[in-house]
Amino acid sequence: MSYELNEDQQDCLQELINVAMGQASDQLARYLDTFVFLTVPSIDLVDGEGLTESLVNDEESTSMVSQGFFGYEGIRGEAILVYQHQDSDRLADLLGYEPDELSIEEQLIDISSILTTTFLNVFAGQIENQMSYSAPRLMSSVEGSLSEHLDQLSFDCDTALKVNINYQVTDYSFNCEMVLLIPAEAIENIKAVIDRILESF
């Protein structure tokens, strides 16, 4: 079975993602009272091995927060927020917390939940869906830890649609990457939803 999106499907999904990430970045900008810069998102079909390699860059300097999402019509996946260590140290200033008010881990989960739920709620609204979420989970970028986490997910990541979105908070030199993983069994479902949207035009 081919999980590739055709050109029209790819363009439609890209537009849905653009709208959702724009609103997520706007909410983040209002929350932080600063400007959030976005880069063009990428959409790729990856296998399990390629996925782990693409997420693990520097084992000593990255933290990740992973959160599952579940919608109607078999739309589901995992959202992973990737942070560099130096950016994690800026979170207290960025979020307006006192130095000892929350741990770095709690701050990472806090900002990750804002980005994940805002983006996916807007995305779901565009396709007339509704999302629920699992509890966010903090993990390191160590390859074994990431592989173990992916193995524990309720779906198979041997083939997945991978969406990369980068958020850059210029006033604080803060960057984070959102990676959405849509497993093989959900790709066909999301393609069906996209086809229905395309037919309405």
N, C-alpha and C. Protein backbone atom coordinates (compact mmCIF):
# COMPACT_ATOMS: atom_id res chain seq x y z
N MET A 1 0.85 -1.20 0.00
CA MET A 1 0.00 0.00 0.00
C MET A 1 0.88 1.24 0.00
N SER A 2 0.54 2.24 -0.83
CA SER A 2 1.30 3.49 -0.90
C SER A 2 0.70 4.50 0.08
N TYR A 3 1.57 5.05 0.92
CA TYR A 3 1.12 6.06 1.87
C TYR A 3 1.47 7.47 1.40
N GLU A 4 2.05 7.58 0.22
CA GLU A 4 2.44 8.88 -0.31
C GLU A 4 1.19 9.74 -0.58
N LEU A 5 1.31 11.03 -0.32
CA LEU A 5 0.25 11.97 -0.66
C LEU A 5 0.50 12.47 -2.08
N ASN A 6 -0.57 12.62 -2.86
CA ASN A 6 -0.39 13.20 -4.18
C ASN A 6 -0.21 14.72 -4.03
N GLU A 7 0.04 15.40 -5.13
CA GLU A 7 0.37 16.83 -5.06
C GLU A 7 -0.76 17.65 -4.45
N ASP A 8 -2.00 17.37 -4.85
CA ASP A 8 -3.14 18.13 -4.31
C ASP A 8 -3.31 17.87 -2.81
N GLN A 9 -3.16 16.62 -2.40
CA GLN A 9 -3.28 16.27 -0.98
C GLN A 9 -2.18 16.96 -0.17
N GLN A 10 -0.96 16.94 -0.71
CA GLN A 10 0.18 17.57 -0.03
C GLN A 10 -0.07 19.07 0.12
N ASP A 11 -0.53 19.72 -0.93
CA ASP A 11 -0.79 21.16 -0.89
C ASP A 11 -1.89 21.50 0.11
N CYS A 12 -2.94 20.68 0.13
CA CYS A 12 -4.05 20.92 1.06
C CYS A 12 -3.59 20.76 2.50
N LEU A 13 -2.85 19.69 2.78
CA LEU A 13 -2.34 19.47 4.14
C LEU A 13 -1.40 20.60 4.54
N GLN A 14 -0.57 21.05 3.61
CA GLN A 14 0.35 22.15 3.89
C GLN A 14 -0.42 23.41 4.29
N GLU A 15 -1.51 23.68 3.59
CA GLU A 15 -2.30 24.88 3.91
C GLU A 15 -2.97 24.75 5.27
N LEU A 16 -3.50 23.56 5.58
CA LEU A 16 -4.11 23.33 6.89
C LEU A 16 -3.08 23.55 8.00
N ILE A 17 -1.88 23.05 7.78
CA ILE A 17 -0.80 23.19 8.77
C ILE A 17 -0.39 24.66 8.91
N ASN A 18 -0.30 25.37 7.79
CA ASN A 18 0.08 26.79 7.83
C ASN A 18 -0.89 27.60 8.69
N VAL A 19 -2.19 27.36 8.49
CA VAL A 19 -3.20 28.09 9.26
C VAL A 19 -3.08 27.75 10.75
N ALA A 20 -2.95 26.46 11.06
CA ALA A 20 -2.89 26.02 12.46
C ALA A 20 -1.64 26.54 13.15
N MET A 21 -0.49 26.47 12.49
CA MET A 21 0.74 26.93 13.15
C MET A 21 0.74 28.45 13.28
N GLY A 22 0.09 29.14 12.34
CA GLY A 22 -0.01 30.59 12.45
C GLY A 22 -0.79 31.00 13.68
N GLN A 23 -1.90 30.32 13.95
CA GLN A 23 -2.70 30.64 15.13
C GLN A 23 -1.99 30.21 16.41
N ALA A 24 -1.27 29.08 16.36
CA ALA A 24 -0.52 28.64 17.54
C ALA A 24 0.58 29.64 17.87
N SER A 25 1.29 30.12 16.85
CA SER A 25 2.36 31.08 17.08
C SER A 25 1.80 32.41 17.57
N ASP A 26 0.60 32.80 17.07
CA ASP A 26 -0.03 34.04 17.52
C ASP A 26 -0.39 33.95 18.99
N GLN A 27 -0.93 32.79 19.41
CA GLN A 27 -1.27 32.63 20.82
C GLN A 27 -0.01 32.63 21.68
N LEU A 28 1.05 31.98 21.20
CA LEU A 28 2.31 31.98 21.94
C LEU A 28 2.87 33.39 22.04
N ALA A 29 2.80 34.14 20.94
CA ALA A 29 3.30 35.51 20.94
C ALA A 29 2.54 36.38 21.94
N ARG A 30 1.21 36.21 22.01
CA ARG A 30 0.40 36.97 22.96
C ARG A 30 0.73 36.56 24.39
N TYR A 31 0.91 35.26 24.58
CA TYR A 31 1.21 34.73 25.92
C TYR A 31 2.56 35.25 26.41
N LEU A 32 3.53 35.32 25.51
CA LEU A 32 4.89 35.74 25.87
C LEU A 32 5.12 37.24 25.66
N ASP A 33 4.15 37.91 25.02
CA ASP A 33 4.27 39.33 24.70
C ASP A 33 5.53 39.61 23.88
N THR A 34 5.72 38.83 22.84
CA THR A 34 6.88 39.00 21.97
C THR A 34 6.55 38.44 20.59
N PHE A 35 7.46 38.58 19.65
CA PHE A 35 7.23 38.12 18.28
C PHE A 35 7.73 36.69 18.11
N VAL A 36 6.94 35.85 17.45
CA VAL A 36 7.33 34.47 17.16
C VAL A 36 7.46 34.32 15.65
N PHE A 37 8.65 33.91 15.22
CA PHE A 37 8.93 33.75 13.79
C PHE A 37 8.74 32.28 13.40
N LEU A 38 8.13 32.05 12.24
CA LEU A 38 7.88 30.70 11.76
C LEU A 38 8.64 30.44 10.47
N THR A 39 9.13 29.22 10.30
CA THR A 39 9.69 28.80 9.02
C THR A 39 8.67 27.92 8.30
N VAL A 40 8.89 27.70 7.02
CA VAL A 40 7.97 26.87 6.25
C VAL A 40 8.05 25.43 6.77
N PRO A 41 6.92 24.82 7.13
CA PRO A 41 6.94 23.45 7.65
C PRO A 41 7.29 22.44 6.56
N SER A 42 7.82 21.31 6.96
CA SER A 42 8.12 20.23 6.01
C SER A 42 7.22 19.04 6.32
N ILE A 43 6.86 18.30 5.26
CA ILE A 43 6.03 17.10 5.39
C ILE A 43 6.75 15.97 4.67
N ASP A 44 7.11 14.91 5.38
CA ASP A 44 7.87 13.81 4.80
C ASP A 44 7.33 12.47 5.29
N LEU A 45 7.48 11.45 4.45
CA LEU A 45 7.17 10.09 4.84
C LEU A 45 8.47 9.44 5.30
N VAL A 46 8.50 8.92 6.52
CA VAL A 46 9.73 8.36 7.09
C VAL A 46 9.49 6.95 7.61
N ASP A 47 10.59 6.19 7.74
CA ASP A 47 10.51 4.88 8.39
C ASP A 47 11.02 5.03 9.82
N GLY A 48 10.88 3.99 10.61
CA GLY A 48 11.24 4.05 12.02
C GLY A 48 12.68 4.42 12.26
N GLU A 49 13.59 3.83 11.51
CA GLU A 49 15.02 4.10 11.69
C GLU A 49 15.35 5.54 11.30
N GLY A 50 14.81 5.98 10.18
CA GLY A 50 15.05 7.34 9.74
C GLY A 50 14.47 8.36 10.69
N LEU A 51 13.36 8.01 11.33
CA LEU A 51 12.72 8.90 12.28
C LEU A 51 13.62 9.13 13.48
N THR A 52 14.13 8.07 14.07
CA THR A 52 15.00 8.20 15.23
C THR A 52 16.23 9.02 14.90
N GLU A 53 16.86 8.74 13.76
CA GLU A 53 18.06 9.47 13.36
C GLU A 53 17.77 10.95 13.16
N SER A 54 16.60 11.28 12.62
CA SER A 54 16.27 12.67 12.34
C SER A 54 15.99 13.46 13.62
N LEU A 55 15.56 12.77 14.69
CA LEU A 55 15.24 13.46 15.93
C LEU A 55 16.42 13.55 16.88
N VAL A 56 17.33 12.61 16.81
CA VAL A 56 18.47 12.58 17.72
C VAL A 56 19.65 13.24 17.03
N ASN A 57 20.01 14.43 17.49
CA ASN A 57 21.16 15.14 16.93
C ASN A 57 22.31 15.16 17.91
N ASP A 58 22.13 15.84 19.02
CA ASP A 58 23.16 15.95 20.04
C ASP A 58 22.60 15.44 21.35
N GLU A 59 23.05 14.26 21.75
CA GLU A 59 22.46 13.60 22.92
C GLU A 59 22.63 14.43 24.20
N GLU A 60 23.65 15.29 24.23
CA GLU A 60 23.95 16.02 25.45
C GLU A 60 23.16 17.32 25.57
N SER A 61 22.50 17.76 24.50
CA SER A 61 21.98 19.12 24.53
C SER A 61 20.52 19.25 24.14
N THR A 62 19.77 18.16 24.17
CA THR A 62 18.39 18.24 23.73
C THR A 62 17.44 17.59 24.74
N SER A 63 16.28 18.24 24.91
CA SER A 63 15.19 17.66 25.68
C SER A 63 13.97 17.55 24.78
N MET A 64 13.10 16.60 25.07
CA MET A 64 11.90 16.39 24.27
C MET A 64 10.69 16.20 25.18
N VAL A 65 9.55 16.74 24.72
CA VAL A 65 8.28 16.49 25.40
C VAL A 65 7.35 15.86 24.36
N SER A 66 6.82 14.69 24.68
CA SER A 66 5.98 13.95 23.75
C SER A 66 4.56 13.85 24.29
N GLN A 67 3.57 14.04 23.39
CA GLN A 67 2.17 14.00 23.80
C GLN A 67 1.34 13.39 22.68
N GLY A 68 0.57 12.36 23.01
CA GLY A 68 -0.28 11.72 22.02
C GLY A 68 -1.55 12.52 21.78
N PHE A 69 -2.08 12.42 20.56
CA PHE A 69 -3.35 13.07 20.26
C PHE A 69 -4.25 12.09 19.52
N PHE A 70 -5.57 12.22 19.75
CA PHE A 70 -6.55 11.27 19.22
C PHE A 70 -7.79 12.03 18.78
N GLY A 71 -8.21 11.81 17.55
CA GLY A 71 -9.40 12.48 17.04
C GLY A 71 -10.39 11.48 16.46
N TYR A 72 -11.47 12.01 15.88
CA TYR A 72 -12.46 11.16 15.22
C TYR A 72 -11.90 10.65 13.89
N GLU A 73 -12.58 9.68 13.33
CA GLU A 73 -12.26 9.14 12.00
C GLU A 73 -10.84 8.57 11.90
N GLY A 74 -10.32 8.09 13.03
CA GLY A 74 -9.01 7.46 13.01
C GLY A 74 -7.84 8.41 12.85
N ILE A 75 -8.06 9.70 13.11
CA ILE A 75 -6.96 10.68 13.06
C ILE A 75 -6.24 10.62 14.40
N ARG A 76 -4.95 10.28 14.37
CA ARG A 76 -4.21 10.15 15.62
C ARG A 76 -2.72 10.27 15.35
N GLY A 77 -1.95 10.41 16.42
CA GLY A 77 -0.50 10.47 16.26
C GLY A 77 0.16 10.93 17.54
N GLU A 78 1.38 11.41 17.40
CA GLU A 78 2.20 11.85 18.52
C GLU A 78 2.83 13.18 18.15
N ALA A 79 2.77 14.14 19.09
CA ALA A 79 3.44 15.42 18.90
C ALA A 79 4.67 15.46 19.81
N ILE A 80 5.83 15.72 19.21
CA ILE A 80 7.08 15.78 19.97
C ILE A 80 7.66 17.18 19.84
N LEU A 81 7.88 17.84 20.97
CA LEU A 81 8.52 19.15 21.00
C LEU A 81 9.98 18.96 21.36
N VAL A 82 10.87 19.50 20.54
CA VAL A 82 12.31 19.31 20.69
C VAL A 82 12.96 20.63 21.07
N TYR A 83 13.72 20.64 22.19
CA TYR A 83 14.36 21.84 22.71
C TYR A 83 15.86 21.63 22.86
N GLN A 84 16.64 22.62 22.50
CA GLN A 84 18.06 22.60 22.79
C GLN A 84 18.28 23.00 24.25
N HIS A 85 19.35 22.48 24.84
CA HIS A 85 19.60 22.70 26.27
C HIS A 85 19.70 24.19 26.59
N GLN A 86 20.40 24.95 25.74
CA GLN A 86 20.58 26.38 26.03
C GLN A 86 19.25 27.12 26.00
N ASP A 87 18.30 26.63 25.21
CA ASP A 87 16.99 27.26 25.17
C ASP A 87 16.18 26.92 26.42
N SER A 88 16.36 25.73 26.94
CA SER A 88 15.65 25.33 28.16
C SER A 88 16.01 26.25 29.32
N ASP A 89 17.27 26.70 29.35
CA ASP A 89 17.72 27.58 30.42
C ASP A 89 17.06 28.96 30.37
N ARG A 90 16.48 29.32 29.21
CA ARG A 90 15.85 30.64 29.06
C ARG A 90 14.35 30.62 29.36
N LEU A 91 13.83 29.45 29.66
CA LEU A 91 12.37 29.31 29.78
C LEU A 91 11.77 30.14 30.91
N ALA A 92 12.44 30.23 32.06
CA ALA A 92 11.88 30.99 33.19
C ALA A 92 11.66 32.45 32.80
N ASP A 93 12.66 33.06 32.15
CA ASP A 93 12.51 34.44 31.69
C ASP A 93 11.42 34.54 30.63
N LEU A 94 11.41 33.58 29.73
CA LEU A 94 10.46 33.58 28.63
C LEU A 94 9.02 33.49 29.12
N LEU A 95 8.78 32.62 30.10
CA LEU A 95 7.43 32.38 30.61
C LEU A 95 7.05 33.31 31.76
N GLY A 96 8.01 34.12 32.24
CA GLY A 96 7.73 35.06 33.32
C GLY A 96 7.68 34.44 34.69
N TYR A 97 8.35 33.31 34.89
CA TYR A 97 8.38 32.65 36.18
C TYR A 97 9.55 33.17 37.03
N GLU A 98 9.37 33.11 38.32
CA GLU A 98 10.49 33.35 39.23
C GLU A 98 11.46 32.18 39.10
N PRO A 99 12.76 32.41 39.41
CA PRO A 99 13.78 31.37 39.20
C PRO A 99 13.44 30.01 39.80
N ASP A 100 12.84 29.98 41.00
CA ASP A 100 12.57 28.70 41.67
C ASP A 100 11.08 28.34 41.67
N GLU A 101 10.28 29.04 40.85
CA GLU A 101 8.83 28.82 40.88
C GLU A 101 8.46 27.46 40.32
N LEU A 102 9.05 27.09 39.18
CA LEU A 102 8.81 25.79 38.56
C LEU A 102 10.15 25.22 38.10
N SER A 103 10.24 23.89 38.10
CA SER A 103 11.45 23.25 37.58
C SER A 103 11.52 23.41 36.07
N ILE A 104 12.70 23.22 35.50
CA ILE A 104 12.87 23.28 34.05
C ILE A 104 11.94 22.27 33.38
N GLU A 105 11.81 21.09 33.99
CA GLU A 105 10.95 20.05 33.42
C GLU A 105 9.50 20.52 33.36
N GLU A 106 9.02 21.16 34.44
CA GLU A 106 7.64 21.65 34.47
C GLU A 106 7.44 22.77 33.46
N GLN A 107 8.46 23.62 33.29
CA GLN A 107 8.37 24.71 32.32
C GLN A 107 8.31 24.17 30.89
N LEU A 108 9.09 23.13 30.60
CA LEU A 108 9.07 22.52 29.27
C LEU A 108 7.70 21.94 28.97
N ILE A 109 7.12 21.26 29.94
CA ILE A 109 5.79 20.67 29.75
C ILE A 109 4.75 21.77 29.58
N ASP A 110 4.91 22.86 30.32
CA ASP A 110 3.97 23.99 30.25
C ASP A 110 3.92 24.56 28.83
N ILE A 111 5.07 24.95 28.29
CA ILE A 111 5.08 25.58 26.97
C ILE A 111 4.74 24.56 25.87
N SER A 112 5.11 23.31 26.07
CA SER A 112 4.78 22.27 25.09
C SER A 112 3.28 22.07 24.98
N SER A 113 2.60 22.07 26.12
CA SER A 113 1.14 21.88 26.11
C SER A 113 0.45 23.03 25.39
N ILE A 114 0.95 24.26 25.57
CA ILE A 114 0.38 25.41 24.88
C ILE A 114 0.50 25.23 23.37
N LEU A 115 1.70 24.90 22.91
CA LEU A 115 1.94 24.77 21.47
C LEU A 115 1.18 23.60 20.87
N THR A 116 1.23 22.45 21.53
CA THR A 116 0.61 21.25 20.98
C THR A 116 -0.91 21.39 20.88
N THR A 117 -1.54 21.76 22.00
CA THR A 117 -3.00 21.79 22.00
C THR A 117 -3.55 22.92 21.13
N THR A 118 -2.87 24.08 21.12
CA THR A 118 -3.34 25.18 20.28
C THR A 118 -3.27 24.80 18.81
N PHE A 119 -2.12 24.28 18.39
CA PHE A 119 -1.95 23.90 16.99
C PHE A 119 -2.97 22.84 16.59
N LEU A 120 -3.06 21.77 17.37
CA LEU A 120 -3.92 20.65 16.97
C LEU A 120 -5.40 20.97 17.08
N ASN A 121 -5.80 21.82 18.02
CA ASN A 121 -7.21 22.22 18.11
C ASN A 121 -7.62 23.03 16.88
N VAL A 122 -6.73 23.92 16.42
CA VAL A 122 -7.03 24.69 15.21
C VAL A 122 -7.05 23.77 13.99
N PHE A 123 -6.08 22.87 13.91
CA PHE A 123 -6.04 21.91 12.81
C PHE A 123 -7.32 21.07 12.78
N ALA A 124 -7.72 20.58 13.96
CA ALA A 124 -8.93 19.74 14.04
C ALA A 124 -10.16 20.52 13.63
N GLY A 125 -10.24 21.79 14.03
CA GLY A 125 -11.39 22.60 13.67
C GLY A 125 -11.54 22.76 12.17
N GLN A 126 -10.42 22.84 11.47
CA GLN A 126 -10.45 23.01 10.02
C GLN A 126 -10.98 21.77 9.30
N ILE A 127 -10.79 20.60 9.89
CA ILE A 127 -11.25 19.36 9.26
C ILE A 127 -12.50 18.81 9.97
N GLU A 128 -13.13 19.70 10.76
CA GLU A 128 -14.36 19.35 11.47
C GLU A 128 -14.16 18.12 12.35
N ASN A 129 -13.11 18.17 13.13
CA ASN A 129 -12.75 17.08 14.02
C ASN A 129 -12.58 17.65 15.42
N GLN A 130 -12.21 16.80 16.35
CA GLN A 130 -11.97 17.22 17.72
C GLN A 130 -10.90 16.32 18.32
N MET A 131 -9.95 16.93 19.03
CA MET A 131 -8.81 16.17 19.56
C MET A 131 -8.89 15.99 21.07
N SER A 132 -8.42 14.85 21.52
CA SER A 132 -8.14 14.64 22.95
C SER A 132 -6.66 14.29 23.05
N TYR A 133 -6.11 14.40 24.26
CA TYR A 133 -4.67 14.30 24.42
C TYR A 133 -4.29 13.40 25.59
N SER A 134 -3.16 12.73 25.44
CA SER A 134 -2.59 11.99 26.56
C SER A 134 -1.75 12.96 27.39
N ALA A 135 -1.33 12.54 28.57
CA ALA A 135 -0.49 13.39 29.41
C ALA A 135 0.88 13.56 28.74
N PRO A 136 1.44 14.77 28.73
CA PRO A 136 2.76 14.96 28.14
C PRO A 136 3.83 14.22 28.92
N ARG A 137 4.85 13.78 28.20
CA ARG A 137 5.92 13.01 28.81
C ARG A 137 7.27 13.61 28.42
N LEU A 138 8.10 13.92 29.42
CA LEU A 138 9.42 14.49 29.17
C LEU A 138 10.43 13.36 29.02
N MET A 139 11.30 13.49 28.02
CA MET A 139 12.35 12.49 27.81
C MET A 139 13.59 13.15 27.24
N SER A 140 14.71 12.47 27.33
CA SER A 140 15.95 12.98 26.74
C SER A 140 16.01 12.55 25.29
N SER A 141 17.02 13.07 24.58
CA SER A 141 17.18 12.73 23.17
C SER A 141 18.07 11.52 22.96
N VAL A 142 18.50 10.88 24.05
CA VAL A 142 19.35 9.70 23.89
C VAL A 142 18.63 8.69 23.00
N GLU A 143 19.33 8.16 22.02
CA GLU A 143 18.68 7.34 21.00
C GLU A 143 17.93 6.17 21.60
N GLY A 144 18.53 5.52 22.61
CA GLY A 144 17.86 4.39 23.24
C GLY A 144 16.57 4.80 23.91
N SER A 145 16.59 5.96 24.57
CA SER A 145 15.40 6.47 25.25
C SER A 145 14.30 6.80 24.25
N LEU A 146 14.67 7.44 23.14
CA LEU A 146 13.69 7.79 22.11
C LEU A 146 13.12 6.54 21.46
N SER A 147 13.99 5.60 21.11
CA SER A 147 13.53 4.36 20.48
C SER A 147 12.58 3.61 21.39
N GLU A 148 12.94 3.56 22.68
CA GLU A 148 12.09 2.87 23.66
C GLU A 148 10.73 3.56 23.74
N HIS A 149 10.73 4.89 23.73
CA HIS A 149 9.47 5.64 23.80
C HIS A 149 8.61 5.34 22.57
N LEU A 150 9.21 5.37 21.39
CA LEU A 150 8.46 5.10 20.17
C LEU A 150 7.91 3.68 20.17
N ASP A 151 8.69 2.74 20.72
CA ASP A 151 8.22 1.35 20.79
C ASP A 151 7.02 1.20 21.73
N GLN A 152 6.92 2.10 22.72
CA GLN A 152 5.84 1.99 23.70
C GLN A 152 4.54 2.67 23.24
N LEU A 153 4.61 3.38 22.12
CA LEU A 153 3.41 4.05 21.63
C LEU A 153 2.37 3.01 21.21
N SER A 154 1.12 3.44 21.18
CA SER A 154 0.04 2.51 20.87
C SER A 154 -0.10 2.26 19.37
N PHE A 155 0.81 2.81 18.58
CA PHE A 155 0.80 2.56 17.15
C PHE A 155 2.20 2.25 16.67
N ASP A 156 2.30 1.70 15.49
CA ASP A 156 3.57 1.28 14.89
C ASP A 156 4.17 2.46 14.12
N CYS A 157 5.44 2.80 14.45
CA CYS A 157 6.10 3.93 13.79
C CYS A 157 7.02 3.47 12.66
N ASP A 158 6.85 2.24 12.18
CA ASP A 158 7.71 1.77 11.08
C ASP A 158 7.56 2.66 9.86
N THR A 159 6.35 3.15 9.63
CA THR A 159 6.11 4.15 8.58
C THR A 159 5.24 5.23 9.18
N ALA A 160 5.64 6.49 8.99
CA ALA A 160 4.86 7.60 9.56
C ALA A 160 5.01 8.83 8.69
N LEU A 161 3.97 9.65 8.70
CA LEU A 161 4.02 10.96 8.08
C LEU A 161 4.61 11.90 9.14
N LYS A 162 5.69 12.58 8.80
CA LYS A 162 6.40 13.43 9.75
C LYS A 162 6.27 14.88 9.31
N VAL A 163 5.71 15.70 10.19
CA VAL A 163 5.54 17.13 9.92
C VAL A 163 6.45 17.90 10.87
N ASN A 164 7.33 18.73 10.32
CA ASN A 164 8.26 19.53 11.12
C ASN A 164 7.85 20.99 11.09
N ILE A 165 7.73 21.59 12.28
CA ILE A 165 7.39 23.01 12.41
C ILE A 165 8.38 23.64 13.38
N ASN A 166 9.00 24.75 12.98
CA ASN A 166 9.97 25.44 13.83
C ASN A 166 9.40 26.77 14.32
N TYR A 167 9.48 26.98 15.64
CA TYR A 167 9.07 28.24 16.26
C TYR A 167 10.32 28.94 16.78
N GLN A 168 10.48 30.22 16.44
CA GLN A 168 11.64 30.99 16.89
C GLN A 168 11.15 32.26 17.58
N VAL A 169 11.52 32.41 18.86
CA VAL A 169 11.16 33.61 19.62
C VAL A 169 12.38 34.52 19.59
N THR A 170 12.35 35.52 18.70
CA THR A 170 13.56 36.28 18.39
C THR A 170 14.06 37.11 19.57
N ASP A 171 13.17 37.70 20.37
CA ASP A 171 13.61 38.55 21.48
C ASP A 171 14.40 37.78 22.53
N TYR A 172 14.18 36.47 22.60
CA TYR A 172 14.85 35.66 23.62
C TYR A 172 15.83 34.67 23.02
N SER A 173 16.05 34.74 21.71
CA SER A 173 16.90 33.77 21.02
C SER A 173 16.51 32.34 21.38
N PHE A 174 15.20 32.11 21.41
CA PHE A 174 14.65 30.81 21.82
C PHE A 174 14.05 30.11 20.60
N ASN A 175 14.37 28.83 20.42
CA ASN A 175 13.85 28.06 19.31
C ASN A 175 13.32 26.72 19.82
N CYS A 176 12.27 26.24 19.19
CA CYS A 176 11.84 24.87 19.45
C CYS A 176 11.25 24.29 18.18
N GLU A 177 11.30 22.99 18.08
CA GLU A 177 10.81 22.28 16.90
C GLU A 177 9.65 21.38 17.31
N MET A 178 8.54 21.49 16.59
CA MET A 178 7.43 20.58 16.80
C MET A 178 7.44 19.53 15.70
N VAL A 179 7.42 18.26 16.10
CA VAL A 179 7.39 17.16 15.15
C VAL A 179 6.10 16.39 15.36
N LEU A 180 5.27 16.34 14.33
CA LEU A 180 4.04 15.55 14.39
C LEU A 180 4.27 14.23 13.67
N LEU A 181 3.94 13.14 14.32
CA LEU A 181 4.06 11.81 13.72
C LEU A 181 2.66 11.24 13.52
N ILE A 182 2.32 10.98 12.28
CA ILE A 182 1.03 10.36 11.95
C ILE A 182 1.32 8.96 11.44
N PRO A 183 0.93 7.92 12.19
CA PRO A 183 1.30 6.54 11.83
C PRO A 183 0.61 6.07 10.57
N ALA A 184 1.15 5.00 10.00
CA ALA A 184 0.65 4.49 8.71
C ALA A 184 -0.85 4.28 8.70
N GLU A 185 -1.38 3.69 9.78
CA GLU A 185 -2.81 3.37 9.78
C GLU A 185 -3.68 4.63 9.80
N ALA A 186 -3.10 5.77 10.22
CA ALA A 186 -3.86 7.02 10.24
C ALA A 186 -3.65 7.85 8.98
N ILE A 187 -2.61 7.54 8.20
CA ILE A 187 -2.34 8.31 6.98
C ILE A 187 -3.50 8.18 6.00
N GLU A 188 -3.98 6.95 5.81
CA GLU A 188 -5.10 6.74 4.90
C GLU A 188 -6.35 7.50 5.37
N ASN A 189 -6.52 7.57 6.69
CA ASN A 189 -7.68 8.28 7.24
C ASN A 189 -7.57 9.78 6.97
N ILE A 190 -6.38 10.33 7.16
CA ILE A 190 -6.22 11.77 6.94
C ILE A 190 -6.28 12.09 5.45
N LYS A 191 -5.83 11.16 4.60
CA LYS A 191 -5.96 11.37 3.15
C LYS A 191 -7.43 11.41 2.75
N ALA A 192 -8.25 10.57 3.37
CA ALA A 192 -9.68 10.56 3.07
C ALA A 192 -10.34 11.88 3.47
N VAL A 193 -9.92 12.42 4.62
CA VAL A 193 -10.45 13.71 5.07
C VAL A 193 -10.03 14.82 4.12
N ILE A 194 -8.77 14.79 3.70
CA ILE A 194 -8.27 15.80 2.76
C ILE A 194 -9.01 15.72 1.42
N ASP A 195 -9.23 14.50 0.94
CA ASP A 195 -9.97 14.33 -0.32
C ASP A 195 -11.38 14.91 -0.22
N ARG A 196 -11.99 14.76 0.94
CA ARG A 196 -13.33 15.31 1.14
C ARG A 196 -13.30 16.84 1.10
N ILE A 197 -12.26 17.42 1.66
CA ILE A 197 -12.10 18.88 1.61
C ILE A 197 -11.89 19.34 0.17
N LEU A 198 -11.04 18.62 -0.56
CA LEU A 198 -10.75 18.99 -1.94
C LEU A 198 -12.00 18.89 -2.82
N GLU A 199 -12.83 17.88 -2.55
CA GLU A 199 -14.05 17.70 -3.34
C GLU A 199 -15.05 18.82 -3.12
N SER A 200 -14.95 19.49 -1.98
CA SER A 200 -15.89 20.55 -1.67
C SER A 200 -15.58 21.85 -2.41
N PHE A 201 -14.42 21.92 -3.04
CA PHE A 201 -14.03 23.12 -3.79
C PHE A 201 -14.36 22.97 -5.26
